[in-house]
Structures are given as C-alpha cells and as structure tokens.
C-alpha cells in the first residue's frame, strides 16, 4: 500500500510539472508551407516552434485562429506567443522578437497578362493585403503615402488570388515560397500568375511575445536556446528541407 502511494505521488508530481510548463501559443491557417492545421505537423514553422520549446523544457499547446484575432489576443496576453511574423516598425512597438526561424524573399505577384512589369508601375494600383498580414517597411511607407488602393481586404491569400483573377485587385506582396505554394494548391497550376523580377528584401520569420507578458523576455530566451539546439544538431535544416521539398524541386 505504501509503495502504491509513493508511485501515485510521483505521478501526480510529474503531471503537475508538465502542466506548469505548458504554454499556449497561437498561429494561423492558409500560410503554406509554414503554418496550416491541415499540413503535416501543422506546417514547417509550427513544427519548428513546437520542437524548440520542447528542447527548452516547455510543452507548447499550439492553436490556430484567424490571423488578426490571434495577433490581437497575443497582444492582450491571451496567448504567450504567436508566429510566424516578419519585423515591422508597428509590431516592434508592442512585441519582443525571437531569433530568426527562417529566411524568405518577398516579391510582387501579378496575373500573367498584367500591364505591371516594373516597381514604378505599381503606383495607383490596387494592392491586396489579407487581414493580419504584414508588408515590408518599404511598402508600408508607400501605403501610408496613399500610393496604393487598399479597399476590400480579404481574409486570406486565396482571397487575393481570386480577386486578382476577377480583376478586382492588381497585385499582392508575399514571400515567394508561400505565394507559389498557395497558387499551386489553389489552382493546381502556376500559369496564371507571375512575379516581378525585383526581390525587395530578405526577411525573416520570428516568434513574437507581447511586451506586456510577464516573463516574456525569459520565455523568448528559452525558445532561442531550443532553436539553437535544433540548428546545432541538424534538426532545423532537416525540417526545412522536408517541408520545402516540393517547392525546391
């Protein structure tokens, strides 16, 4: 009887410890191959985030919400962190950023027969920015200056694609991997779209934590340590290569 009680006590302590290290993290859908609950492992970055936290001793309970909702709820402290986000001037005011998780290249996507061929052709055109998505600082400044028309914002990138094909939008800006992956998965062909030759800048995806979150800085340090371990033992590159296999071939 004594032995049974000791075992039960140990199990209770283990359960309590696991519960104490459980954290709630949020991301969004329709951002292949990086995040989507229907992708293997929830997507490339979802898998990386979960494993990095695990290496750091945390059990990340990852949920999927609409992008804008997840962002705002993280800002308010409902979730301890969200991902993947690029750095923007507006976000840096409210969030701490992790080390870069991966690198992407941003491009302008247009329909194949679009009269847009150079960056200067974009002035006065209708940009499509899904709710909760961010654009590079260069385009954010151009938006502030009113150089683009941003009416009728859809909820996701697929909405942008359909609006462009119907003539309601002229272009969207996103990293080339997500752009081409979404186009291929939506239409089973990439023939209806093209990108401008110019790549604006190299950008990086991050896990972000609200500056109002208690111990947020400590949590990010732990995440970064876990990410470093994944990088050092080769797991990070293995995950990236597996998820980008079809894109890179």
C-alpha atoms as a PDB file:
ATOM      1  CA  UNK A   1       0.000   0.000   0.000  1.00  0.00           C
ATOM      2  CA  UNK A   2       2.852   2.330   0.882  1.00  0.00           C
ATOM      3  CA  UNK A   3       4.563   1.561  -2.428  1.00  0.00           C
ATOM      4  CA  UNK A   4       1.365   2.338  -4.367  1.00  0.00           C
ATOM      5  CA  UNK A   5       1.007   5.666  -2.573  1.00  0.00           C
ATOM      6  CA  UNK A   6       4.583   6.623  -3.423  1.00  0.00           C
ATOM      7  CA  UNK A   7       4.046   5.796  -7.117  1.00  0.00           C
ATOM      8  CA  UNK A   8       0.816   7.798  -7.147  1.00  0.00           C
ATOM      9  CA  UNK A   9       2.587  10.768  -5.541  1.00  0.00           C
ATOM     10  CA  UNK A  10       5.369  10.644  -8.123  1.00  0.00           C
ATOM     11  CA  UNK A  11       2.864  10.528 -10.970  1.00  0.00           C
ATOM     12  CA  UNK A  12       0.987  13.490  -9.516  1.00  0.00           C
ATOM     13  CA  UNK A  13       4.182  15.486  -9.245  1.00  0.00           C
ATOM     14  CA  UNK A  14       5.143  14.641 -12.834  1.00  0.00           C
ATOM     15  CA  UNK A  15       1.716  15.687 -14.092  1.00  0.00           C
ATOM     16  CA  UNK A  16       1.869  18.943 -12.137  1.00  0.00           C
ATOM     17  CA  UNK A  17       5.338  19.684 -13.500  1.00  0.00           C
ATOM     18  CA  UNK A  18       4.214  19.032 -17.077  1.00  0.00           C
ATOM     19  CA  UNK A  19       1.181  21.246 -16.564  1.00  0.00           C
ATOM     20  CA  UNK A  20       3.322  24.017 -15.095  1.00  0.00           C
ATOM     21  CA  UNK A  21       5.482  24.038 -18.242  1.00  0.00           C
ATOM     22  CA  UNK A  22       2.520  24.048 -20.649  1.00  0.00           C
ATOM     23  CA  UNK A  23       2.174  27.273 -22.643  1.00  0.00           C
ATOM     24  CA  UNK A  24      -0.476  28.403 -25.099  1.00  0.00           C
ATOM     25  CA  UNK A  25       0.775  29.623 -28.468  1.00  0.00           C
ATOM     26  CA  UNK A  26      -1.281  30.717 -31.476  1.00  0.00           C
ATOM     27  CA  UNK A  27      -0.752  30.811 -35.228  1.00  0.00           C
ATOM     28  CA  UNK A  28      -2.964  30.940 -38.316  1.00  0.00           C
ATOM     29  CA  UNK A  29      -4.058  28.952 -41.348  1.00  0.00           C
ATOM     30  CA  UNK A  30      -3.569  29.341 -45.103  1.00  0.00           C
ATOM     31  CA  UNK A  31       0.125  30.184 -44.972  1.00  0.00           C
ATOM     32  CA  UNK A  32       1.681  27.137 -46.655  1.00  0.00           C
ATOM     33  CA  UNK A  33       4.150  25.610 -46.239  1.00  0.00           C
ATOM     34  CA  UNK A  34       4.804  27.450 -42.977  1.00  0.00           C
ATOM     35  CA  UNK A  35       1.567  27.165 -40.991  1.00  0.00           C
ATOM     36  CA  UNK A  36      -1.786  25.482 -41.545  1.00  0.00           C
ATOM     37  CA  UNK A  37      -3.517  22.948 -39.333  1.00  0.00           C
ATOM     38  CA  UNK A  38      -4.120  20.684 -42.337  1.00  0.00           C
ATOM     39  CA  UNK A  39      -0.419  20.468 -43.208  1.00  0.00           C
ATOM     40  CA  UNK A  40       1.829  17.718 -41.785  1.00  0.00           C
ATOM     41  CA  UNK A  41       2.940  18.858 -38.336  1.00  0.00           C
ATOM     42  CA  UNK A  42       0.833  21.983 -38.747  1.00  0.00           C
ATOM     43  CA  UNK A  43       3.388  23.324 -41.214  1.00  0.00           C
ATOM     44  CA  UNK A  44       7.142  23.838 -41.243  1.00  0.00           C
ATOM     45  CA  UNK A  45       7.376  26.648 -38.698  1.00  0.00           C
ATOM     46  CA  UNK A  46       4.723  25.144 -36.426  1.00  0.00           C
ATOM     47  CA  UNK A  47       6.822  22.007 -36.176  1.00  0.00           C
ATOM     48  CA  UNK A  48       9.978  24.007 -35.503  1.00  0.00           C
ATOM     49  CA  UNK A  49       8.323  26.134 -32.804  1.00  0.00           C
ATOM     50  CA  UNK A  50       6.914  23.106 -31.002  1.00  0.00           C
ATOM     51  CA  UNK A  51      10.272  21.274 -31.011  1.00  0.00           C
ATOM     52  CA  UNK A  52      12.263  24.362 -29.983  1.00  0.00           C
ATOM     53  CA  UNK A  53      10.029  24.852 -26.960  1.00  0.00           C
ATOM     54  CA  UNK A  54      10.285  21.150 -26.161  1.00  0.00           C
ATOM     55  CA  UNK A  55      14.086  21.404 -26.191  1.00  0.00           C
ATOM     56  CA  UNK A  56      13.746  24.304 -23.755  1.00  0.00           C
ATOM     57  CA  UNK A  57      11.535  22.308 -21.397  1.00  0.00           C
ATOM     58  CA  UNK A  58       8.133  23.695 -22.426  1.00  0.00           C
ATOM     59  CA  UNK A  59       5.060  21.959 -23.770  1.00  0.00           C
ATOM     60  CA  UNK A  60       3.703  24.298 -26.428  1.00  0.00           C
ATOM     61  CA  UNK A  61      -0.028  23.853 -26.957  1.00  0.00           C
ATOM     62  CA  UNK A  62      -0.464  25.402 -30.388  1.00  0.00           C
ATOM     63  CA  UNK A  63      -3.876  26.511 -31.614  1.00  0.00           C
ATOM     64  CA  UNK A  64      -4.984  28.020 -34.935  1.00  0.00           C
ATOM     65  CA  UNK A  65      -7.017  31.210 -35.096  1.00  0.00           C
ATOM     66  CA  UNK A  66      -7.733  33.872 -37.757  1.00  0.00           C
ATOM     67  CA  UNK A  67      -4.525  35.865 -38.121  1.00  0.00           C
ATOM     68  CA  UNK A  68      -5.789  39.194 -36.869  1.00  0.00           C
ATOM     69  CA  UNK A  69      -7.579  37.605 -33.911  1.00  0.00           C
ATOM     70  CA  UNK A  70      -4.536  35.571 -32.861  1.00  0.00           C
ATOM     71  CA  UNK A  71      -2.301  38.619 -33.127  1.00  0.00           C
ATOM     72  CA  UNK A  72      -4.594  40.807 -31.023  1.00  0.00           C
ATOM     73  CA  UNK A  73      -5.153  38.098 -28.401  1.00  0.00           C
ATOM     74  CA  UNK A  74      -1.396  37.614 -28.061  1.00  0.00           C
ATOM     75  CA  UNK A  75      -1.018  41.359 -27.674  1.00  0.00           C
ATOM     76  CA  UNK A  76      -3.550  41.208 -24.817  1.00  0.00           C
ATOM     77  CA  UNK A  77      -1.881  38.214 -23.158  1.00  0.00           C
ATOM     78  CA  UNK A  78      -4.466  35.541 -24.005  1.00  0.00           C
ATOM     79  CA  UNK A  79      -1.616  33.626 -25.665  1.00  0.00           C
ATOM     80  CA  UNK A  80       2.014  33.862 -24.594  1.00  0.00           C
ATOM     81  CA  UNK A  81       3.326  33.956 -28.153  1.00  0.00           C
ATOM     82  CA  UNK A  82       2.401  33.867 -31.822  1.00  0.00           C
ATOM     83  CA  UNK A  83       4.222  33.150 -35.088  1.00  0.00           C
ATOM     84  CA  UNK A  84       5.467  33.495 -37.801  1.00  0.00           C
ATOM     85  CA  UNK A  85       5.892  37.244 -38.174  1.00  0.00           C
ATOM     86  CA  UNK A  86       8.346  39.453 -40.016  1.00  0.00           C
ATOM     87  CA  UNK A  87       9.648  42.591 -38.338  1.00  0.00           C
ATOM     88  CA  UNK A  88       7.731  45.790 -38.966  1.00  0.00           C
ATOM     89  CA  UNK A  89       8.008  49.178 -37.329  1.00  0.00           C
ATOM     90  CA  UNK A  90       4.476  48.895 -35.942  1.00  0.00           C
ATOM     91  CA  UNK A  91       4.915  45.422 -34.434  1.00  0.00           C
ATOM     92  CA  UNK A  92       8.243  46.189 -32.755  1.00  0.00           C
ATOM     93  CA  UNK A  93       6.431  48.736 -30.577  1.00  0.00           C
ATOM     94  CA  UNK A  94       4.373  46.004 -28.911  1.00  0.00           C
ATOM     95  CA  UNK A  95       6.329  42.753 -29.262  1.00  0.00           C
ATOM     96  CA  UNK A  96       9.657  41.140 -28.439  1.00  0.00           C
ATOM     97  CA  UNK A  97      11.126  39.081 -31.296  1.00  0.00           C
ATOM     98  CA  UNK A  98      12.890  35.728 -31.206  1.00  0.00           C
ATOM     99  CA  UNK A  99      15.937  34.879 -33.256  1.00  0.00           C
ATOM    100  CA  UNK A 100      15.142  34.342 -36.950  1.00  0.00           C
ATOM    101  CA  UNK A 101      13.497  30.975 -37.578  1.00  0.00           C
ATOM    102  CA  UNK A 102      13.942  31.010 -41.357  1.00  0.00           C
ATOM    103  CA  UNK A 103      14.646  33.402 -44.224  1.00  0.00           C
ATOM    104  CA  UNK A 104      12.304  34.348 -47.082  1.00  0.00           C
ATOM    105  CA  UNK A 105      12.406  36.660 -50.095  1.00  0.00           C
ATOM    106  CA  UNK A 106       9.492  38.997 -50.725  1.00  0.00           C
ATOM    107  CA  UNK A 107       8.140  39.504 -54.242  1.00  0.00           C
ATOM    108  CA  UNK A 108       5.276  41.201 -56.057  1.00  0.00           C
ATOM    109  CA  UNK A 109       2.776  38.780 -57.625  1.00  0.00           C
ATOM    110  CA  UNK A 110       0.560  39.801 -60.547  1.00  0.00           C
ATOM    111  CA  UNK A 111      -1.631  37.955 -63.060  1.00  0.00           C
ATOM    112  CA  UNK A 112       0.192  36.732 -66.139  1.00  0.00           C
ATOM    113  CA  UNK A 113      -1.223  39.333 -68.556  1.00  0.00           C
ATOM    114  CA  UNK A 114      -0.935  42.278 -66.141  1.00  0.00           C
ATOM    115  CA  UNK A 115       0.457  45.555 -67.528  1.00  0.00           C
ATOM    116  CA  UNK A 116       2.601  45.778 -64.364  1.00  0.00           C
ATOM    117  CA  UNK A 117       6.242  44.942 -65.136  1.00  0.00           C
ATOM    118  CA  UNK A 118       8.360  47.281 -63.003  1.00  0.00           C
ATOM    119  CA  UNK A 119       8.066  48.690 -59.489  1.00  0.00           C
ATOM    120  CA  UNK A 120       7.144  52.108 -60.811  1.00  0.00           C
ATOM    121  CA  UNK A 121       4.089  50.556 -62.476  1.00  0.00           C
ATOM    122  CA  UNK A 122       2.574  49.840 -59.028  1.00  0.00           C
ATOM    123  CA  UNK A 123       1.674  53.459 -58.204  1.00  0.00           C
ATOM    124  CA  UNK A 124      -2.090  53.915 -58.148  1.00  0.00           C
ATOM    125  CA  UNK A 125      -2.736  50.173 -58.448  1.00  0.00           C
ATOM    126  CA  UNK A 126      -4.916  48.074 -56.119  1.00  0.00           C
ATOM    127  CA  UNK A 127      -2.836  46.163 -53.585  1.00  0.00           C
ATOM    128  CA  UNK A 128      -4.203  43.098 -51.790  1.00  0.00           C
ATOM    129  CA  UNK A 129      -3.140  42.627 -48.167  1.00  0.00           C
ATOM    130  CA  UNK A 130      -5.089  39.898 -46.296  1.00  0.00           C
ATOM    131  CA  UNK A 131      -6.259  40.684 -42.768  1.00  0.00           C
ATOM    132  CA  UNK A 132      -3.426  40.200 -40.276  1.00  0.00           C
ATOM    133  CA  UNK A 133      -0.701  40.083 -42.936  1.00  0.00           C
ATOM    134  CA  UNK A 134       2.226  42.468 -42.839  1.00  0.00           C
ATOM    135  CA  UNK A 135       4.206  44.031 -45.673  1.00  0.00           C
ATOM    136  CA  UNK A 136       7.826  45.118 -45.740  1.00  0.00           C
ATOM    137  CA  UNK A 137       8.624  48.541 -44.322  1.00  0.00           C
ATOM    138  CA  UNK A 138       9.191  49.867 -47.828  1.00  0.00           C
ATOM    139  CA  UNK A 139       5.628  49.050 -48.868  1.00  0.00           C
ATOM    140  CA  UNK A 140       4.193  50.028 -45.506  1.00  0.00           C
ATOM    141  CA  UNK A 141       5.560  53.525 -46.087  1.00  0.00           C
ATOM    142  CA  UNK A 142       4.119  53.575 -49.602  1.00  0.00           C
ATOM    143  CA  UNK A 143       0.740  52.572 -48.170  1.00  0.00           C
ATOM    144  CA  UNK A 144       0.921  55.447 -45.683  1.00  0.00           C
ATOM    145  CA  UNK A 145       1.623  57.825 -48.557  1.00  0.00           C
ATOM    146  CA  UNK A 146      -1.524  56.632 -50.319  1.00  0.00           C
ATOM    147  CA  UNK A 147       0.305  55.317 -53.372  1.00  0.00           C
ATOM    148  CA  UNK A 148      -1.868  52.173 -53.458  1.00  0.00           C
ATOM    149  CA  UNK A 149      -5.585  51.492 -53.216  1.00  0.00           C
ATOM    150  CA  UNK A 150      -6.187  49.023 -50.358  1.00  0.00           C
ATOM    151  CA  UNK A 151     -10.007  48.718 -50.332  1.00  0.00           C
ATOM    152  CA  UNK A 152     -11.877  45.389 -49.994  1.00  0.00           C
ATOM    153  CA  UNK A 153      -9.388  43.426 -47.877  1.00  0.00           C
ATOM    154  CA  UNK A 154      -9.905  39.621 -47.965  1.00  0.00           C
ATOM    155  CA  UNK A 155      -9.315  37.274 -45.040  1.00  0.00           C
ATOM    156  CA  UNK A 156      -6.550  35.228 -46.655  1.00  0.00           C
ATOM    157  CA  UNK A 157      -4.154  34.919 -49.570  1.00  0.00           C
ATOM    158  CA  UNK A 158      -6.524  32.696 -51.544  1.00  0.00           C
ATOM    159  CA  UNK A 159      -9.000  35.568 -51.477  1.00  0.00           C
ATOM    160  CA  UNK A 160      -6.336  37.817 -53.008  1.00  0.00           C
ATOM    161  CA  UNK A 161      -5.683  35.333 -55.782  1.00  0.00           C
ATOM    162  CA  UNK A 162      -9.350  35.083 -56.696  1.00  0.00           C
ATOM    163  CA  UNK A 163      -9.809  38.864 -56.593  1.00  0.00           C
ATOM    164  CA  UNK A 164      -6.836  39.319 -58.907  1.00  0.00           C
ATOM    165  CA  UNK A 165      -8.156  36.804 -61.423  1.00  0.00           C
ATOM    166  CA  UNK A 166     -11.537  38.556 -61.388  1.00  0.00           C
ATOM    167  CA  UNK A 167      -9.878  41.934 -61.963  1.00  0.00           C
ATOM    168  CA  UNK A 168     -10.737  43.407 -58.543  1.00  0.00           C
ATOM    169  CA  UNK A 169      -7.105  43.603 -57.365  1.00  0.00           C
ATOM    170  CA  UNK A 170      -3.857  44.229 -59.232  1.00  0.00           C
ATOM    171  CA  UNK A 171      -1.093  42.735 -57.084  1.00  0.00           C
ATOM    172  CA  UNK A 172      -0.085  41.301 -53.738  1.00  0.00           C
ATOM    173  CA  UNK A 173       3.213  41.119 -51.889  1.00  0.00           C
ATOM    174  CA  UNK A 174       4.318  37.973 -50.087  1.00  0.00           C
ATOM    175  CA  UNK A 175       7.355  35.745 -49.773  1.00  0.00           C
ATOM    176  CA  UNK A 176       7.836  33.731 -52.936  1.00  0.00           C
ATOM    177  CA  UNK A 177       7.561  30.326 -51.227  1.00  0.00           C
ATOM    178  CA  UNK A 178       4.125  30.998 -49.728  1.00  0.00           C
ATOM    179  CA  UNK A 179       2.959  32.753 -52.862  1.00  0.00           C
ATOM    180  CA  UNK A 180       3.791  29.955 -55.290  1.00  0.00           C
ATOM    181  CA  UNK A 181       2.711  27.225 -52.866  1.00  0.00           C
ATOM    182  CA  UNK A 182      -0.702  28.843 -52.344  1.00  0.00           C
ATOM    183  CA  UNK A 183      -1.166  29.369 -56.086  1.00  0.00           C
ATOM    184  CA  UNK A 184      -0.266  25.760 -56.867  1.00  0.00           C
ATOM    185  CA  UNK A 185      -2.515  24.317 -54.163  1.00  0.00           C
ATOM    186  CA  UNK A 186      -5.456  26.551 -55.085  1.00  0.00           C
ATOM    187  CA  UNK A 187      -5.423  26.247 -58.878  1.00  0.00           C
ATOM    188  CA  UNK A 188      -3.246  23.153 -59.488  1.00  0.00           C
ATOM    189  CA  UNK A 189      -1.177  25.305 -61.859  1.00  0.00           C
ATOM    190  CA  UNK A 190       1.045  28.374 -61.610  1.00  0.00           C
ATOM    191  CA  UNK A 191       0.426  29.505 -65.172  1.00  0.00           C
ATOM    192  CA  UNK A 192      -1.994  32.323 -64.373  1.00  0.00           C
ATOM    193  CA  UNK A 193       0.468  34.352 -62.273  1.00  0.00           C
ATOM    194  CA  UNK A 194       3.981  35.729 -62.422  1.00  0.00           C
ATOM    195  CA  UNK A 195       6.311  37.782 -60.220  1.00  0.00           C
ATOM    196  CA  UNK A 196       8.205  40.949 -60.937  1.00  0.00           C
ATOM    197  CA  UNK A 197      11.924  40.387 -61.350  1.00  0.00           C
ATOM    198  CA  UNK A 198      12.823  42.570 -58.383  1.00  0.00           C
ATOM    199  CA  UNK A 199      13.066  40.948 -54.952  1.00  0.00           C
ATOM    200  CA  UNK A 200      12.594  43.674 -52.361  1.00  0.00           C
ATOM    201  CA  UNK A 201      14.480  42.380 -49.416  1.00  0.00           C
ATOM    202  CA  UNK A 202      15.492  39.345 -47.464  1.00  0.00           C
ATOM    203  CA  UNK A 203      13.165  38.956 -44.495  1.00  0.00           C
ATOM    204  CA  UNK A 204      12.966  36.576 -41.580  1.00  0.00           C
ATOM    205  CA  UNK A 205      10.152  34.861 -39.700  1.00  0.00           C
ATOM    206  CA  UNK A 206      10.045  35.089 -35.903  1.00  0.00           C
ATOM    207  CA  UNK A 207       8.136  34.004 -32.835  1.00  0.00           C
ATOM    208  CA  UNK A 208       6.848  37.121 -31.063  1.00  0.00           C
ATOM    209  CA  UNK A 209       5.810  37.789 -27.465  1.00  0.00           C
ATOM    210  CA  UNK A 210       3.883  40.808 -26.206  1.00  0.00           C
ATOM    211  CA  UNK A 211       5.957  43.273 -24.195  1.00  0.00           C
ATOM    212  CA  UNK A 212       3.199  43.221 -21.569  1.00  0.00           C
ATOM    213  CA  UNK A 213       3.539  39.454 -20.984  1.00  0.00           C
ATOM    214  CA  UNK A 214       5.098  38.569 -17.631  1.00  0.00           C
ATOM    215  CA  UNK A 215       8.417  36.742 -18.090  1.00  0.00           C
ATOM    216  CA  UNK A 216       8.072  37.233 -21.856  1.00  0.00           C
ATOM    217  CA  UNK A 217      11.766  38.023 -22.293  1.00  0.00           C
ATOM    218  CA  UNK A 218      12.730  34.897 -20.313  1.00  0.00           C
ATOM    219  CA  UNK A 219      10.406  32.767 -22.449  1.00  0.00           C
ATOM    220  CA  UNK A 220      11.990  34.083 -25.639  1.00  0.00           C
ATOM    221  CA  UNK A 221      15.461  33.342 -24.303  1.00  0.00           C
ATOM    222  CA  UNK A 222      14.393  29.762 -23.623  1.00  0.00           C
ATOM    223  CA  UNK A 223      12.891  29.472 -27.104  1.00  0.00           C
ATOM    224  CA  UNK A 224      16.074  30.826 -28.682  1.00  0.00           C
ATOM    225  CA  UNK A 225      18.149  28.266 -26.776  1.00  0.00           C
ATOM    226  CA  UNK A 226      15.899  25.487 -28.070  1.00  0.00           C
ATOM    227  CA  UNK A 227      16.152  26.873 -31.601  1.00  0.00           C
ATOM    228  CA  UNK A 228      19.947  26.939 -31.319  1.00  0.00           C
ATOM    229  CA  UNK A 229      19.926  23.277 -30.303  1.00  0.00           C
ATOM    230  CA  UNK A 230      17.780  22.360 -33.322  1.00  0.00           C
ATOM    231  CA  UNK A 231      20.191  24.242 -35.538  1.00  0.00           C
ATOM    232  CA  UNK A 232      23.280  22.656 -33.998  1.00  0.00           C
ATOM    233  CA  UNK A 233      22.068  19.053 -34.191  1.00  0.00           C
ATOM    234  CA  UNK A 234      20.807  19.426 -37.780  1.00  0.00           C
ATOM    235  CA  UNK A 235      17.120  19.019 -36.938  1.00  0.00           C
ATOM    236  CA  UNK A 236      16.213  22.526 -38.105  1.00  0.00           C
ATOM    237  CA  UNK A 237      17.644  22.054 -41.584  1.00  0.00           C
ATOM    238  CA  UNK A 238      16.082  18.593 -41.844  1.00  0.00           C
ATOM    239  CA  UNK A 239      12.602  20.005 -41.081  1.00  0.00           C
ATOM    240  CA  UNK A 240      13.032  22.876 -43.547  1.00  0.00           C
ATOM    241  CA  UNK A 241      14.256  20.575 -46.299  1.00  0.00           C
ATOM    242  CA  UNK A 242      11.367  18.142 -45.756  1.00  0.00           C
ATOM    243  CA  UNK A 243       8.666  20.798 -45.884  1.00  0.00           C
ATOM    244  CA  UNK A 244      10.192  22.660 -48.826  1.00  0.00           C
ATOM    245  CA  UNK A 245      10.927  19.518 -50.821  1.00  0.00           C
ATOM    246  CA  UNK A 246       8.153  20.051 -53.372  1.00  0.00           C
ATOM    247  CA  UNK A 247       8.800  23.785 -53.578  1.00  0.00           C
ATOM    248  CA  UNK A 248      12.527  23.474 -54.198  1.00  0.00           C
ATOM    249  CA  UNK A 249      12.347  20.664 -56.756  1.00  0.00           C
END
